[in-house]
Amino acid sequence: MIILTTERIVLRTLHAGDAAFYLELVNEPAFVRNIGDKGVRTLEQARAAILDGPVEMQMRLGHSLYLMERRGDGVPLGFCGLIKRDALPDVDIGYALAPAHWGRGYAYEAGAAVVEYARGHLKLPRLLAITSPHNTASNQLLEKLGLRFVQLTRLGGGDEDVRLYRLEFAPPVAPADS
């Protein structure tokens, strides 16, 4: 199901048929270094991770992590979407881009669309994000998207600090009575 489109990108729900791309992306050295090792080593594990993660979250909450595809040719670029983690009080934006597509503005384009989707369509009061402290590119991207650094923290008994970011959405302005 298509969730969002931008000038160059389609964001759609993940499905089991995306397992090969999922497997490849979550095992990229940059993904493992910056996001973590998901322990997904086979196509079957990738299918299960998609079904138990994004597919289940989409059905339960109406949002999830989406596959980012290039418009026109459908080439998968990465993931971008909204995640509700048990360790965070609010929904957070998450993204990962295959290294072959870095430096072309895709992450910003997808991230800006997801931020607006969270604000306008889902009417979330705020949006969070987490990154590894050493992931300079992601830290800069989050600030460009309007999120602000809050603090270093550890999530759910983790042993490494993450940078926590937040974006408060202004409440809608009520129309004036005429």
N, C-alpha and C. Protein backbone atom coordinates (compact mmCIF):
# COMPACT_ATOMS: atom_id res chain seq x y z
N MET A 1 0.85 -1.17 0.00
CA MET A 1 0.00 0.00 0.00
C MET A 1 0.90 1.24 0.00
N ILE A 2 0.64 2.15 -0.91
CA ILE A 2 1.39 3.41 -0.97
C ILE A 2 0.90 4.32 0.15
N ILE A 3 1.83 4.85 0.90
CA ILE A 3 1.53 5.76 2.00
C ILE A 3 1.78 7.20 1.58
N LEU A 4 2.92 7.47 0.97
CA LEU A 4 3.31 8.83 0.59
C LEU A 4 4.07 8.80 -0.73
N THR A 5 3.94 9.87 -1.47
CA THR A 5 4.80 10.07 -2.64
C THR A 5 5.37 11.47 -2.58
N THR A 6 6.58 11.59 -3.06
CA THR A 6 7.23 12.89 -3.18
C THR A 6 7.66 13.03 -4.64
N GLU A 7 8.42 14.05 -4.93
CA GLU A 7 8.87 14.25 -6.30
C GLU A 7 9.64 13.05 -6.83
N ARG A 8 10.48 12.44 -5.98
CA ARG A 8 11.35 11.35 -6.46
C ARG A 8 11.13 10.01 -5.78
N ILE A 9 10.28 9.97 -4.76
CA ILE A 9 10.20 8.79 -3.89
C ILE A 9 8.75 8.34 -3.69
N VAL A 10 8.58 7.03 -3.55
CA VAL A 10 7.34 6.43 -3.09
C VAL A 10 7.67 5.74 -1.77
N LEU A 11 6.86 6.00 -0.74
CA LEU A 11 6.97 5.28 0.53
C LEU A 11 5.76 4.36 0.62
N ARG A 12 6.02 3.06 0.75
CA ARG A 12 4.93 2.09 0.81
C ARG A 12 5.18 1.10 1.93
N THR A 13 4.11 0.41 2.33
CA THR A 13 4.24 -0.59 3.38
C THR A 13 5.15 -1.72 2.90
N LEU A 14 5.89 -2.25 3.83
CA LEU A 14 6.74 -3.41 3.55
C LEU A 14 5.88 -4.67 3.49
N HIS A 15 6.33 -5.66 2.73
CA HIS A 15 5.66 -6.96 2.70
C HIS A 15 6.74 -8.04 2.57
N ALA A 16 6.35 -9.29 2.74
CA ALA A 16 7.30 -10.40 2.74
C ALA A 16 8.14 -10.45 1.47
N GLY A 17 7.62 -9.95 0.36
CA GLY A 17 8.37 -9.94 -0.90
C GLY A 17 9.57 -9.00 -0.89
N ASP A 18 9.67 -8.15 0.13
CA ASP A 18 10.80 -7.23 0.27
C ASP A 18 11.95 -7.84 1.06
N ALA A 19 11.85 -9.13 1.37
CA ALA A 19 12.82 -9.77 2.27
C ALA A 19 14.25 -9.69 1.76
N ALA A 20 14.49 -9.86 0.47
CA ALA A 20 15.87 -9.83 -0.03
C ALA A 20 16.51 -8.46 0.19
N PHE A 21 15.77 -7.39 -0.11
CA PHE A 21 16.31 -6.05 0.11
C PHE A 21 16.50 -5.80 1.61
N TYR A 22 15.52 -6.18 2.42
CA TYR A 22 15.60 -6.02 3.87
C TYR A 22 16.86 -6.72 4.40
N LEU A 23 17.06 -7.96 3.99
CA LEU A 23 18.22 -8.74 4.44
C LEU A 23 19.52 -8.03 4.07
N GLU A 24 19.60 -7.55 2.85
CA GLU A 24 20.80 -6.86 2.40
C GLU A 24 21.05 -5.58 3.20
N LEU A 25 20.00 -4.77 3.39
CA LEU A 25 20.18 -3.48 4.06
C LEU A 25 20.54 -3.64 5.53
N VAL A 26 19.85 -4.53 6.25
CA VAL A 26 20.12 -4.64 7.70
C VAL A 26 21.48 -5.28 7.99
N ASN A 27 22.12 -5.83 6.96
CA ASN A 27 23.45 -6.40 7.15
C ASN A 27 24.56 -5.54 6.56
N GLU A 28 24.21 -4.37 6.01
CA GLU A 28 25.22 -3.41 5.56
C GLU A 28 26.07 -2.99 6.77
N PRO A 29 27.38 -2.92 6.63
CA PRO A 29 28.22 -2.51 7.77
C PRO A 29 27.79 -1.17 8.39
N ALA A 30 27.38 -0.20 7.59
CA ALA A 30 26.96 1.10 8.14
C ALA A 30 25.66 0.95 8.95
N PHE A 31 24.75 0.10 8.50
CA PHE A 31 23.51 -0.14 9.24
C PHE A 31 23.84 -0.77 10.60
N VAL A 32 24.66 -1.80 10.58
CA VAL A 32 25.02 -2.48 11.83
C VAL A 32 25.73 -1.52 12.78
N ARG A 33 26.63 -0.70 12.26
CA ARG A 33 27.39 0.24 13.09
C ARG A 33 26.49 1.34 13.67
N ASN A 34 25.58 1.87 12.86
CA ASN A 34 24.80 3.04 13.28
C ASN A 34 23.45 2.70 13.90
N ILE A 35 22.87 1.58 13.52
CA ILE A 35 21.53 1.22 14.01
C ILE A 35 21.59 -0.01 14.91
N GLY A 36 22.38 -0.97 14.52
CA GLY A 36 22.52 -2.17 15.33
C GLY A 36 22.36 -3.43 14.49
N ASP A 37 22.84 -4.51 15.06
CA ASP A 37 22.76 -5.81 14.40
C ASP A 37 21.41 -6.42 14.73
N LYS A 38 20.58 -6.61 13.73
CA LYS A 38 19.24 -7.18 13.92
C LYS A 38 19.27 -8.70 14.01
N GLY A 39 20.41 -9.31 13.75
CA GLY A 39 20.52 -10.76 13.83
C GLY A 39 19.77 -11.48 12.72
N VAL A 40 19.49 -10.78 11.65
CA VAL A 40 18.76 -11.35 10.51
C VAL A 40 19.80 -11.82 9.49
N ARG A 41 19.87 -13.14 9.27
CA ARG A 41 20.91 -13.69 8.40
C ARG A 41 20.37 -14.47 7.20
N THR A 42 19.07 -14.76 7.20
CA THR A 42 18.49 -15.55 6.11
C THR A 42 17.25 -14.86 5.57
N LEU A 43 16.85 -15.24 4.36
CA LEU A 43 15.61 -14.70 3.79
C LEU A 43 14.41 -15.00 4.67
N GLU A 44 14.37 -16.19 5.25
CA GLU A 44 13.25 -16.55 6.12
C GLU A 44 13.21 -15.65 7.36
N GLN A 45 14.37 -15.38 7.94
CA GLN A 45 14.43 -14.46 9.08
C GLN A 45 14.01 -13.05 8.67
N ALA A 46 14.39 -12.63 7.47
CA ALA A 46 14.00 -11.31 6.97
C ALA A 46 12.48 -11.24 6.80
N ARG A 47 11.89 -12.28 6.21
CA ARG A 47 10.43 -12.31 6.06
C ARG A 47 9.74 -12.21 7.42
N ALA A 48 10.23 -13.00 8.36
CA ALA A 48 9.64 -12.99 9.71
C ALA A 48 9.80 -11.61 10.36
N ALA A 49 10.96 -10.98 10.20
CA ALA A 49 11.20 -9.66 10.79
C ALA A 49 10.24 -8.63 10.20
N ILE A 50 9.99 -8.72 8.90
CA ILE A 50 9.06 -7.79 8.25
C ILE A 50 7.65 -8.02 8.77
N LEU A 51 7.22 -9.27 8.84
CA LEU A 51 5.86 -9.58 9.28
C LEU A 51 5.64 -9.24 10.75
N ASP A 52 6.63 -9.55 11.59
CA ASP A 52 6.51 -9.30 13.03
C ASP A 52 6.77 -7.85 13.41
N GLY A 53 7.41 -7.10 12.52
CA GLY A 53 7.75 -5.71 12.80
C GLY A 53 6.83 -4.76 12.06
N PRO A 54 7.27 -4.26 10.89
CA PRO A 54 6.48 -3.25 10.18
C PRO A 54 5.05 -3.67 9.82
N VAL A 55 4.85 -4.90 9.38
CA VAL A 55 3.50 -5.32 8.99
C VAL A 55 2.57 -5.33 10.21
N GLU A 56 3.04 -5.90 11.31
CA GLU A 56 2.23 -5.95 12.53
C GLU A 56 1.97 -4.54 13.06
N MET A 57 2.99 -3.68 13.06
CA MET A 57 2.83 -2.32 13.58
C MET A 57 1.84 -1.53 12.72
N GLN A 58 1.92 -1.69 11.40
CA GLN A 58 0.99 -0.99 10.51
C GLN A 58 -0.45 -1.41 10.81
N MET A 59 -0.67 -2.70 11.00
CA MET A 59 -2.02 -3.19 11.28
C MET A 59 -2.51 -2.69 12.64
N ARG A 60 -1.64 -2.67 13.63
CA ARG A 60 -2.02 -2.30 14.99
C ARG A 60 -2.15 -0.79 15.19
N LEU A 61 -1.21 -0.01 14.61
CA LEU A 61 -1.15 1.42 14.90
C LEU A 61 -1.49 2.32 13.72
N GLY A 62 -1.48 1.77 12.51
CA GLY A 62 -1.76 2.60 11.34
C GLY A 62 -0.55 3.34 10.81
N HIS A 63 0.62 3.01 11.32
CA HIS A 63 1.89 3.55 10.80
C HIS A 63 2.99 2.56 11.10
N SER A 64 4.08 2.68 10.37
CA SER A 64 5.21 1.77 10.55
C SER A 64 6.41 2.29 9.79
N LEU A 65 7.40 1.45 9.67
CA LEU A 65 8.55 1.73 8.83
C LEU A 65 8.16 1.36 7.40
N TYR A 66 8.46 2.22 6.44
CA TYR A 66 8.05 2.01 5.04
C TYR A 66 9.25 1.78 4.14
N LEU A 67 9.01 1.08 3.05
CA LEU A 67 10.03 0.92 2.03
C LEU A 67 10.07 2.20 1.20
N MET A 68 11.26 2.71 1.01
CA MET A 68 11.48 3.90 0.20
C MET A 68 11.92 3.43 -1.19
N GLU A 69 11.11 3.73 -2.20
CA GLU A 69 11.43 3.35 -3.58
C GLU A 69 11.59 4.60 -4.43
N ARG A 70 12.46 4.50 -5.42
CA ARG A 70 12.61 5.59 -6.38
C ARG A 70 11.40 5.56 -7.31
N ARG A 71 10.78 6.73 -7.50
CA ARG A 71 9.64 6.82 -8.42
C ARG A 71 10.10 6.52 -9.84
N GLY A 72 9.24 5.94 -10.59
CA GLY A 72 9.54 5.66 -11.98
C GLY A 72 10.05 4.25 -12.19
N ASP A 73 11.13 3.88 -11.49
CA ASP A 73 11.68 2.54 -11.73
C ASP A 73 11.53 1.60 -10.54
N GLY A 74 11.03 2.09 -9.39
CA GLY A 74 10.77 1.22 -8.25
C GLY A 74 11.99 0.65 -7.56
N VAL A 75 13.17 1.20 -7.83
CA VAL A 75 14.39 0.71 -7.18
C VAL A 75 14.28 0.99 -5.67
N PRO A 76 14.45 -0.05 -4.83
CA PRO A 76 14.41 0.19 -3.38
C PRO A 76 15.65 0.97 -2.94
N LEU A 77 15.42 2.01 -2.16
CA LEU A 77 16.50 2.89 -1.69
C LEU A 77 16.82 2.66 -0.22
N GLY A 78 15.80 2.35 0.56
CA GLY A 78 15.98 2.20 2.00
C GLY A 78 14.64 2.14 2.69
N PHE A 79 14.65 2.52 3.98
CA PHE A 79 13.44 2.56 4.79
C PHE A 79 13.28 3.95 5.37
N CYS A 80 12.05 4.34 5.61
CA CYS A 80 11.77 5.57 6.35
C CYS A 80 10.35 5.45 6.86
N GLY A 81 10.12 5.82 8.11
CA GLY A 81 8.77 5.74 8.63
C GLY A 81 8.70 6.07 10.09
N LEU A 82 7.60 5.66 10.69
CA LEU A 82 7.27 5.98 12.07
C LEU A 82 7.18 4.70 12.89
N ILE A 83 7.89 4.68 14.00
CA ILE A 83 8.00 3.49 14.83
C ILE A 83 7.56 3.84 16.24
N LYS A 84 6.83 2.94 16.87
CA LYS A 84 6.51 3.10 18.30
C LYS A 84 7.29 2.03 19.06
N ARG A 85 8.34 2.48 19.72
CA ARG A 85 9.18 1.57 20.50
C ARG A 85 8.72 1.56 21.95
N ASP A 86 8.79 0.41 22.58
CA ASP A 86 8.42 0.30 23.99
C ASP A 86 9.29 1.19 24.87
N ALA A 87 10.53 1.40 24.46
CA ALA A 87 11.48 2.16 25.28
C ALA A 87 11.32 3.68 25.16
N LEU A 88 10.44 4.15 24.28
CA LEU A 88 10.24 5.59 24.11
C LEU A 88 8.78 5.94 24.37
N PRO A 89 8.53 7.12 24.95
CA PRO A 89 7.15 7.50 25.27
C PRO A 89 6.31 7.92 24.06
N ASP A 90 6.96 8.27 22.96
CA ASP A 90 6.25 8.74 21.78
C ASP A 90 6.79 8.05 20.54
N VAL A 91 6.10 8.24 19.44
CA VAL A 91 6.50 7.70 18.15
C VAL A 91 7.79 8.36 17.70
N ASP A 92 8.66 7.57 17.06
CA ASP A 92 9.88 8.18 16.52
C ASP A 92 10.00 7.90 15.04
N ILE A 93 10.73 8.79 14.39
CA ILE A 93 11.02 8.64 12.97
C ILE A 93 12.30 7.82 12.84
N GLY A 94 12.26 6.89 11.92
CA GLY A 94 13.44 6.06 11.67
C GLY A 94 13.70 5.99 10.17
N TYR A 95 14.94 5.80 9.81
CA TYR A 95 15.29 5.71 8.39
C TYR A 95 16.62 5.00 8.25
N ALA A 96 16.80 4.40 7.10
CA ALA A 96 18.08 3.79 6.72
C ALA A 96 18.13 3.80 5.21
N LEU A 97 19.24 4.17 4.68
CA LEU A 97 19.40 4.28 3.23
C LEU A 97 20.56 3.38 2.80
N ALA A 98 20.37 2.64 1.72
CA ALA A 98 21.45 1.83 1.18
C ALA A 98 22.59 2.75 0.77
N PRO A 99 23.84 2.40 1.10
CA PRO A 99 24.97 3.28 0.81
C PRO A 99 25.07 3.73 -0.64
N ALA A 100 24.62 2.92 -1.57
CA ALA A 100 24.69 3.30 -3.00
C ALA A 100 23.87 4.55 -3.30
N HIS A 101 22.96 4.90 -2.39
CA HIS A 101 22.06 6.04 -2.63
C HIS A 101 22.31 7.22 -1.69
N TRP A 102 23.40 7.16 -0.92
CA TRP A 102 23.75 8.26 -0.02
C TRP A 102 24.11 9.50 -0.84
N GLY A 103 23.92 10.65 -0.23
CA GLY A 103 24.40 11.90 -0.80
C GLY A 103 23.53 12.48 -1.91
N ARG A 104 22.34 11.97 -2.08
CA ARG A 104 21.45 12.46 -3.15
C ARG A 104 20.19 13.13 -2.62
N GLY A 105 20.09 13.28 -1.29
CA GLY A 105 18.94 13.96 -0.70
C GLY A 105 17.71 13.09 -0.50
N TYR A 106 17.82 11.80 -0.75
CA TYR A 106 16.67 10.91 -0.60
C TYR A 106 16.20 10.83 0.86
N ALA A 107 17.14 10.71 1.79
CA ALA A 107 16.76 10.59 3.21
C ALA A 107 16.03 11.85 3.68
N TYR A 108 16.52 13.01 3.27
CA TYR A 108 15.83 14.25 3.65
C TYR A 108 14.44 14.32 3.02
N GLU A 109 14.35 14.00 1.76
CA GLU A 109 13.06 14.07 1.05
C GLU A 109 12.03 13.14 1.70
N ALA A 110 12.45 11.91 1.99
CA ALA A 110 11.54 10.96 2.64
C ALA A 110 11.24 11.41 4.07
N GLY A 111 12.27 11.84 4.80
CA GLY A 111 12.08 12.27 6.18
C GLY A 111 11.13 13.45 6.30
N ALA A 112 11.28 14.43 5.41
CA ALA A 112 10.39 15.60 5.44
C ALA A 112 8.95 15.19 5.17
N ALA A 113 8.74 14.25 4.25
CA ALA A 113 7.38 13.78 3.97
C ALA A 113 6.81 13.04 5.17
N VAL A 114 7.62 12.24 5.85
CA VAL A 114 7.15 11.49 7.01
C VAL A 114 6.86 12.44 8.18
N VAL A 115 7.68 13.46 8.37
CA VAL A 115 7.41 14.44 9.43
C VAL A 115 6.06 15.12 9.17
N GLU A 116 5.82 15.53 7.94
CA GLU A 116 4.55 16.18 7.61
C GLU A 116 3.37 15.21 7.76
N TYR A 117 3.57 13.97 7.42
CA TYR A 117 2.54 12.93 7.59
C TYR A 117 2.20 12.76 9.07
N ALA A 118 3.23 12.74 9.93
CA ALA A 118 3.02 12.62 11.37
C ALA A 118 2.24 13.81 11.91
N ARG A 119 2.58 14.99 11.43
CA ARG A 119 1.94 16.22 11.89
C ARG A 119 0.53 16.36 11.31
N GLY A 120 0.40 16.25 10.01
CA GLY A 120 -0.87 16.56 9.35
C GLY A 120 -1.87 15.43 9.32
N HIS A 121 -1.43 14.25 8.92
CA HIS A 121 -2.36 13.12 8.76
C HIS A 121 -2.62 12.40 10.09
N LEU A 122 -1.55 12.09 10.81
CA LEU A 122 -1.70 11.35 12.06
C LEU A 122 -1.98 12.24 13.25
N LYS A 123 -1.70 13.54 13.11
CA LYS A 123 -1.93 14.52 14.17
C LYS A 123 -1.22 14.16 15.48
N LEU A 124 0.01 13.70 15.35
CA LEU A 124 0.80 13.39 16.53
C LEU A 124 1.19 14.69 17.24
N PRO A 125 1.25 14.69 18.56
CA PRO A 125 1.64 15.91 19.28
C PRO A 125 3.13 16.21 19.18
N ARG A 126 3.92 15.17 19.00
CA ARG A 126 5.38 15.34 18.90
C ARG A 126 5.95 14.13 18.20
N LEU A 127 7.20 14.28 17.82
CA LEU A 127 7.92 13.21 17.16
C LEU A 127 9.30 13.12 17.79
N LEU A 128 9.75 11.91 18.04
CA LEU A 128 11.08 11.67 18.59
C LEU A 128 11.97 11.04 17.53
N ALA A 129 13.25 10.98 17.83
CA ALA A 129 14.21 10.25 17.00
C ALA A 129 15.39 9.89 17.88
N ILE A 130 16.06 8.80 17.52
CA ILE A 130 17.28 8.41 18.21
C ILE A 130 18.35 8.11 17.17
N THR A 131 19.58 8.44 17.52
CA THR A 131 20.72 8.12 16.66
C THR A 131 21.92 7.75 17.52
N SER A 132 22.87 7.10 16.90
CA SER A 132 24.15 6.87 17.55
C SER A 132 24.89 8.20 17.64
N PRO A 133 25.56 8.46 18.76
CA PRO A 133 26.26 9.74 18.89
C PRO A 133 27.27 9.99 17.77
N HIS A 134 27.90 8.95 17.24
CA HIS A 134 28.92 9.11 16.20
C HIS A 134 28.34 9.26 14.80
N ASN A 135 27.03 9.13 14.64
CA ASN A 135 26.41 9.18 13.31
C ASN A 135 26.11 10.64 12.93
N THR A 136 27.16 11.34 12.56
CA THR A 136 27.07 12.77 12.27
C THR A 136 26.04 13.08 11.19
N ALA A 137 26.01 12.29 10.12
CA ALA A 137 25.08 12.56 9.02
C ALA A 137 23.63 12.49 9.50
N SER A 138 23.29 11.48 10.31
CA SER A 138 21.91 11.37 10.80
C SER A 138 21.59 12.47 11.80
N ASN A 139 22.55 12.82 12.64
CA ASN A 139 22.32 13.91 13.59
C ASN A 139 22.04 15.21 12.85
N GLN A 140 22.78 15.48 11.80
CA GLN A 140 22.54 16.70 11.01
C GLN A 140 21.21 16.63 10.27
N LEU A 141 20.86 15.46 9.74
CA LEU A 141 19.60 15.31 9.04
C LEU A 141 18.42 15.57 9.97
N LEU A 142 18.46 15.03 11.18
CA LEU A 142 17.36 15.26 12.11
C LEU A 142 17.19 16.74 12.42
N GLU A 143 18.28 17.44 12.60
CA GLU A 143 18.18 18.88 12.86
C GLU A 143 17.63 19.61 11.64
N LYS A 144 18.02 19.19 10.45
CA LYS A 144 17.49 19.80 9.22
C LYS A 144 15.97 19.55 9.10
N LEU A 145 15.51 18.41 9.63
CA LEU A 145 14.08 18.08 9.62
C LEU A 145 13.30 18.81 10.72
N GLY A 146 14.01 19.55 11.58
CA GLY A 146 13.34 20.33 12.61
C GLY A 146 13.37 19.71 13.99
N LEU A 147 13.96 18.54 14.15
CA LEU A 147 14.06 17.93 15.47
C LEU A 147 15.23 18.55 16.21
N ARG A 148 15.12 18.62 17.52
CA ARG A 148 16.16 19.23 18.35
C ARG A 148 16.69 18.22 19.34
N PHE A 149 18.01 18.25 19.53
CA PHE A 149 18.66 17.36 20.49
C PHE A 149 18.13 17.64 21.89
N VAL A 150 17.79 16.57 22.62
CA VAL A 150 17.30 16.69 23.99
C VAL A 150 18.37 16.23 24.98
N GLN A 151 18.88 15.00 24.78
CA GLN A 151 19.84 14.45 25.73
C GLN A 151 20.42 13.14 25.21
N LEU A 152 21.52 12.76 25.83
CA LEU A 152 22.03 11.41 25.66
C LEU A 152 21.28 10.52 26.64
N THR A 153 20.90 9.33 26.18
CA THR A 153 20.16 8.42 27.05
C THR A 153 20.47 6.98 26.66
N ARG A 154 20.04 6.06 27.48
CA ARG A 154 20.15 4.63 27.16
C ARG A 154 18.74 4.07 27.14
N LEU A 155 18.49 3.25 26.12
CA LEU A 155 17.15 2.70 25.95
C LEU A 155 17.07 1.27 26.42
N GLY A 156 16.02 0.96 27.16
CA GLY A 156 15.67 -0.40 27.51
C GLY A 156 16.82 -1.28 27.97
N GLY A 157 17.63 -0.79 28.87
CA GLY A 157 18.73 -1.59 29.39
C GLY A 157 19.91 -1.72 28.46
N GLY A 158 19.92 -0.91 27.40
CA GLY A 158 21.05 -0.94 26.46
C GLY A 158 22.33 -0.50 27.15
N ASP A 159 23.46 -0.83 26.55
CA ASP A 159 24.74 -0.49 27.16
C ASP A 159 25.45 0.65 26.44
N GLU A 160 24.77 1.26 25.44
CA GLU A 160 25.37 2.39 24.73
C GLU A 160 24.41 3.57 24.73
N ASP A 161 24.98 4.76 24.84
CA ASP A 161 24.17 5.97 24.78
C ASP A 161 23.65 6.19 23.36
N VAL A 162 22.47 6.78 23.27
CA VAL A 162 21.93 7.26 21.99
C VAL A 162 21.57 8.72 22.18
N ARG A 163 21.57 9.44 21.07
CA ARG A 163 21.13 10.84 21.09
C ARG A 163 19.62 10.85 20.89
N LEU A 164 18.90 11.49 21.78
CA LEU A 164 17.45 11.61 21.69
C LEU A 164 17.10 12.99 21.16
N TYR A 165 16.24 13.01 20.14
CA TYR A 165 15.77 14.25 19.52
C TYR A 165 14.25 14.32 19.67
N ARG A 166 13.73 15.56 19.63
CA ARG A 166 12.27 15.77 19.74
C ARG A 166 11.85 16.94 18.86
N LEU A 167 10.66 16.79 18.30
CA LEU A 167 10.00 17.87 17.57
C LEU A 167 8.59 17.97 18.11
N GLU A 168 8.28 19.12 18.71
CA GLU A 168 6.92 19.39 19.20
C GLU A 168 6.13 20.02 18.07
N PHE A 169 4.98 19.44 17.77
CA PHE A 169 4.11 20.02 16.76
C PHE A 169 3.18 21.02 17.43
N ALA A 170 3.07 22.18 16.82
CA ALA A 170 2.17 23.21 17.36
C ALA A 170 0.73 22.72 17.21
N PRO A 171 -0.11 22.96 18.22
CA PRO A 171 -1.52 22.58 18.07
C PRO A 171 -2.15 23.40 16.95
N PRO A 172 -3.14 22.82 16.27
CA PRO A 172 -3.79 23.57 15.19
C PRO A 172 -4.47 24.81 15.74
N VAL A 173 -4.45 25.86 14.96
CA VAL A 173 -5.08 27.11 15.35
C VAL A 173 -6.56 27.03 15.01
N ALA A 174 -7.40 27.29 16.00
CA ALA A 174 -8.85 27.25 15.77
C ALA A 174 -9.24 28.48 14.96
N PRO A 175 -10.16 28.31 14.00
CA PRO A 175 -10.60 29.47 13.24
C PRO A 175 -11.34 30.46 14.14
N ALA A 176 -11.15 31.73 13.88
CA ALA A 176 -11.81 32.78 14.65
C ALA A 176 -13.29 32.82 14.30
N ASP A 177 -14.11 33.05 15.31
CA ASP A 177 -15.56 33.19 15.05
C ASP A 177 -15.80 34.48 14.29
N SER A 178 -16.68 34.43 13.30
CA SER A 178 -16.98 35.64 12.56
C SER A 178 -18.31 36.19 12.95
